Amino acid sequence: MKYTVLTGDLVASSRLTKTQVDQVMTDLGGAADEVQRWSDLPFGFARQSGDGWQMALGQPQLGLRAALFLISQLRAKHPEIETRIALAEGEGTLAPDLNSASGPAFTASGRLLGKMTKNIRLDHAAGGAKAATLALTDQVTQSWTQAQAQALSYALHPTAPPRSEIAATLGISREAVNQRLWGAGFPALERALSAWEHPEGNQ
């Protein structure tokens, strides 16, 4: 079966306490639970040794959205902490413990993370257009504020609630939600997500 595999770790985790790392991993696991509800296809998430983690989605086209969602969730809850994410698509075999999963997608994602320099937060093992998209997306996400990330964590759902509902949840006006999303580059990100998830409709 084909998967998108996201392999990540925390940036500068040596400066964090074990309690901080554990809490971040718990929160990333909670965000992963949300992603799992996006589809009924196979899914897995696991913490790897130390500050590492991995996610596998049986709906490969959702890889970019999932990466953005995890970043937004982390920024919203821990604005001072960042994660790097290496994506790869391809065949794979899940296991009850995701750390025992196997296949080209898992291997490529893990190897790419090991090659990523410290200033890169997002990359794709396929290179080409997908890597280029992630390079530009990386630049956008690194400037997100905590307030913008809070709004994005709702807007990035595949079936996002209306802006008025996001506003009510956050206790702000609809106009403030729009300002946060525009400031975060969401209109351009929506175009990128559409092209990523429905390439046949963008030719």
Protein backbone atom coordinates (compact mmCIF):
# COMPACT_ATOMS: atom_id res chain seq x y z
CA MET A 1 0.00 0.00 0.00
CA LYS A 2 1.16 3.55 -0.69
CA TYR A 3 1.79 5.94 2.17
CA THR A 4 3.06 9.39 2.90
CA VAL A 5 5.52 9.12 5.74
CA LEU A 6 6.47 12.11 7.86
CA THR A 7 9.57 11.71 9.99
CA GLY A 8 10.45 14.50 12.37
CA ASP A 9 12.47 15.66 15.33
CA LEU A 10 12.63 18.73 17.54
CA VAL A 11 14.97 21.59 16.76
CA ALA A 12 17.61 22.32 19.42
CA SER A 13 16.06 19.78 21.77
CA SER A 14 19.23 19.69 23.86
CA ARG A 15 18.12 23.03 25.29
CA LEU A 16 14.84 21.53 26.47
CA THR A 17 14.17 19.62 29.65
CA LYS A 18 12.91 16.05 29.52
CA THR A 19 9.58 17.29 30.83
CA GLN A 20 9.32 19.79 27.97
CA VAL A 21 10.21 17.17 25.36
CA ASP A 22 7.71 14.72 26.81
CA GLN A 23 4.95 17.34 26.77
CA VAL A 24 5.68 18.31 23.16
CA MET A 25 5.57 14.68 22.12
CA THR A 26 2.26 14.25 23.92
CA ASP A 27 0.86 17.26 22.11
CA LEU A 28 2.15 16.04 18.74
CA GLY A 29 0.46 12.72 19.47
CA GLY A 30 -2.78 14.58 20.15
CA ALA A 31 -2.45 16.43 16.84
CA ALA A 32 -1.81 13.08 15.14
CA ASP A 33 -5.05 11.76 16.63
CA GLU A 34 -6.85 14.63 14.88
CA VAL A 35 -5.16 13.76 11.57
CA GLN A 36 -6.21 10.14 11.97
CA ARG A 37 -9.84 11.25 12.03
CA TRP A 38 -9.47 12.82 8.59
CA SER A 39 -9.68 9.44 6.86
CA ASP A 40 -10.60 5.82 7.55
CA LEU A 41 -7.51 4.55 5.73
CA PRO A 42 -4.52 3.01 7.57
CA PHE A 43 -2.63 5.39 9.82
CA GLY A 44 0.15 5.29 12.37
CA PHE A 45 2.03 7.61 14.71
CA ALA A 46 4.85 6.82 17.09
CA ARG A 47 7.48 8.56 19.11
CA GLN A 48 10.97 7.49 18.20
CA SER A 49 14.02 7.59 20.43
CA GLY A 50 14.64 10.88 22.21
CA ASP A 51 13.04 13.79 20.37
CA GLY A 52 12.00 11.94 17.21
CA TRP A 53 8.60 10.96 15.85
CA GLN A 54 7.03 9.43 12.75
CA MET A 55 3.61 9.43 11.10
CA ALA A 56 2.27 7.35 8.22
CA LEU A 57 -0.89 8.17 6.25
CA GLY A 58 -2.61 5.75 3.92
CA GLN A 59 -3.98 8.75 2.03
CA PRO A 60 -0.74 10.15 0.53
CA GLN A 61 -2.24 13.35 -0.86
CA LEU A 62 -2.86 14.57 2.69
CA GLY A 63 0.85 14.69 3.53
CA LEU A 64 1.31 18.44 3.09
CA ARG A 65 -1.87 19.26 5.02
CA ALA A 66 -0.82 16.95 7.84
CA ALA A 67 2.63 18.56 8.05
CA LEU A 68 1.13 22.05 8.17
CA PHE A 69 -1.37 20.97 10.79
CA LEU A 70 1.32 19.53 13.05
CA ILE A 71 3.39 22.69 12.70
CA SER A 72 0.39 24.88 13.51
CA GLN A 73 -0.51 22.80 16.56
CA LEU A 74 3.05 22.93 17.86
CA ARG A 75 3.37 26.68 17.27
CA ALA A 76 0.01 27.31 18.95
CA LYS A 77 0.96 25.42 22.11
CA HIS A 78 4.75 25.79 22.19
CA PRO A 79 5.69 28.89 20.15
CA GLU A 80 9.34 28.62 21.17
CA ILE A 81 9.76 25.04 19.92
CA GLU A 82 10.05 23.88 16.30
CA THR A 83 10.07 20.53 14.54
CA ARG A 84 11.73 19.43 11.31
CA ILE A 85 9.68 17.22 8.99
CA ALA A 86 10.89 15.02 6.13
CA LEU A 87 8.18 13.68 3.81
CA ALA A 88 8.34 10.72 1.45
CA GLU A 89 5.73 8.85 -0.56
CA GLY A 90 5.80 5.23 -1.65
CA GLU A 91 5.11 1.66 -0.72
CA GLY A 92 5.20 0.56 2.88
CA THR A 93 3.92 -1.91 5.40
CA LEU A 94 2.51 -0.79 8.73
CA ALA A 95 3.04 -2.68 11.96
CA PRO A 96 1.19 -2.44 15.28
CA ASP A 97 4.24 -0.51 16.48
CA LEU A 98 5.01 2.07 13.80
CA ASN A 99 8.70 1.87 14.68
CA SER A 100 8.62 -1.63 13.17
CA ALA A 101 7.03 -0.49 9.88
CA SER A 102 9.00 -1.06 6.71
CA GLY A 103 9.18 -0.13 3.05
CA PRO A 104 10.72 2.45 0.71
CA ALA A 105 8.60 5.35 2.00
CA PHE A 106 9.73 4.82 5.59
CA THR A 107 13.36 4.44 4.58
CA ALA A 108 13.37 7.51 2.32
CA SER A 109 11.70 9.71 4.92
CA GLY A 110 14.12 8.72 7.67
CA ARG A 111 17.16 9.15 5.45
CA LEU A 112 16.03 12.57 4.29
CA LEU A 113 15.63 13.81 7.85
CA GLY A 114 19.19 12.73 8.55
CA LYS A 115 20.43 14.84 5.62
CA MET A 116 18.45 18.00 6.36
CA THR A 117 20.54 20.91 7.57
CA LYS A 118 19.58 22.75 10.75
CA ASN A 119 17.96 25.70 8.97
CA ILE A 120 15.57 23.49 6.94
CA ARG A 121 12.27 22.57 8.56
CA LEU A 122 10.43 20.94 5.63
CA ASP A 123 11.64 18.83 2.71
CA HIS A 124 10.43 16.09 0.39
CA ALA A 125 12.41 13.02 -0.64
CA ALA A 126 11.04 13.14 -4.19
CA GLY A 127 12.84 16.39 -4.97
CA GLY A 128 11.50 18.39 -7.91
CA ALA A 129 8.23 20.30 -7.64
CA LYS A 130 7.24 18.82 -4.29
CA ALA A 131 10.54 19.74 -2.67
CA ALA A 132 10.24 23.21 -4.18
CA THR A 133 6.74 23.62 -2.77
CA LEU A 134 7.96 22.59 0.66
CA ALA A 135 10.93 24.95 0.48
CA LEU A 136 8.57 27.88 -0.06
CA THR A 137 6.11 26.57 2.50
CA ASP A 138 8.95 26.25 5.00
CA GLN A 139 9.72 29.95 4.62
CA VAL A 140 6.06 30.83 5.26
CA THR A 141 5.57 28.61 8.30
CA GLN A 142 8.71 29.78 10.09
CA SER A 143 7.18 33.26 10.40
CA TRP A 144 3.85 32.11 11.89
CA THR A 145 2.94 33.74 15.19
CA GLN A 146 1.23 31.86 17.98
CA ALA A 147 -2.03 33.70 17.29
CA GLN A 148 -1.87 32.85 13.59
CA ALA A 149 -1.14 29.21 14.39
CA GLN A 150 -4.17 29.02 16.65
CA ALA A 151 -6.43 30.07 13.78
CA LEU A 152 -4.63 27.82 11.31
CA SER A 153 -5.05 24.78 13.51
CA TYR A 154 -8.79 25.01 12.76
CA ALA A 155 -8.62 26.27 9.17
CA LEU A 156 -6.30 23.47 8.06
CA HIS A 157 -8.81 20.71 8.74
CA PRO A 158 -10.03 19.14 5.45
CA THR A 159 -13.56 20.03 6.55
CA ALA A 160 -12.74 23.31 8.25
CA PRO A 161 -15.51 25.02 10.22
CA PRO A 162 -16.81 28.41 9.09
CA ARG A 163 -14.68 31.42 10.01
CA SER A 164 -17.45 32.60 12.34
CA GLU A 165 -17.21 29.32 14.27
CA ILE A 166 -13.41 29.60 14.50
CA ALA A 167 -13.87 33.13 15.79
CA ALA A 168 -16.33 32.01 18.46
CA THR A 169 -14.00 29.22 19.58
CA LEU A 170 -11.05 31.59 19.86
CA GLY A 171 -13.11 34.38 21.41
CA ILE A 172 -12.25 36.90 18.69
CA SER A 173 -14.07 38.52 15.77
CA ARG A 174 -14.43 36.95 12.34
CA GLU A 175 -12.39 39.85 10.96
CA ALA A 176 -9.59 39.02 13.40
CA VAL A 177 -9.61 35.40 12.21
CA ASN A 178 -9.32 36.59 8.61
CA GLN A 179 -6.45 38.89 9.52
CA ARG A 180 -4.58 36.06 11.22
CA LEU A 181 -5.07 33.71 8.30
CA TRP A 182 -4.09 36.30 5.71
CA GLY A 183 -1.03 37.24 7.74
CA ALA A 184 -0.05 33.56 7.86
CA GLY A 185 -0.24 33.25 4.07
CA PHE A 186 -3.26 30.95 4.18
CA PRO A 187 -4.74 31.98 0.80
CA ALA A 188 -1.53 30.86 -0.92
CA LEU A 189 -1.32 27.75 1.23
CA GLU A 190 -4.87 26.85 0.22
CA ARG A 191 -3.81 27.00 -3.43
CA ALA A 192 -0.80 24.82 -2.70
CA LEU A 193 -2.94 22.31 -0.82
CA SER A 194 -5.46 22.18 -3.67
CA ALA A 195 -2.73 21.52 -6.21
CA TRP A 196 -1.12 18.90 -3.95
CA GLU A 197 -4.33 17.05 -3.16
CA HIS A 198 -6.03 17.34 -6.57
CA PRO A 199 -3.26 17.50 -9.19
CA GLU A 200 -5.62 16.29 -11.90
CA GLY A 201 -7.71 19.44 -11.45
CA ASN A 202 -4.73 21.79 -11.77
CA GLN A 203 -3.40 20.80 -15.17
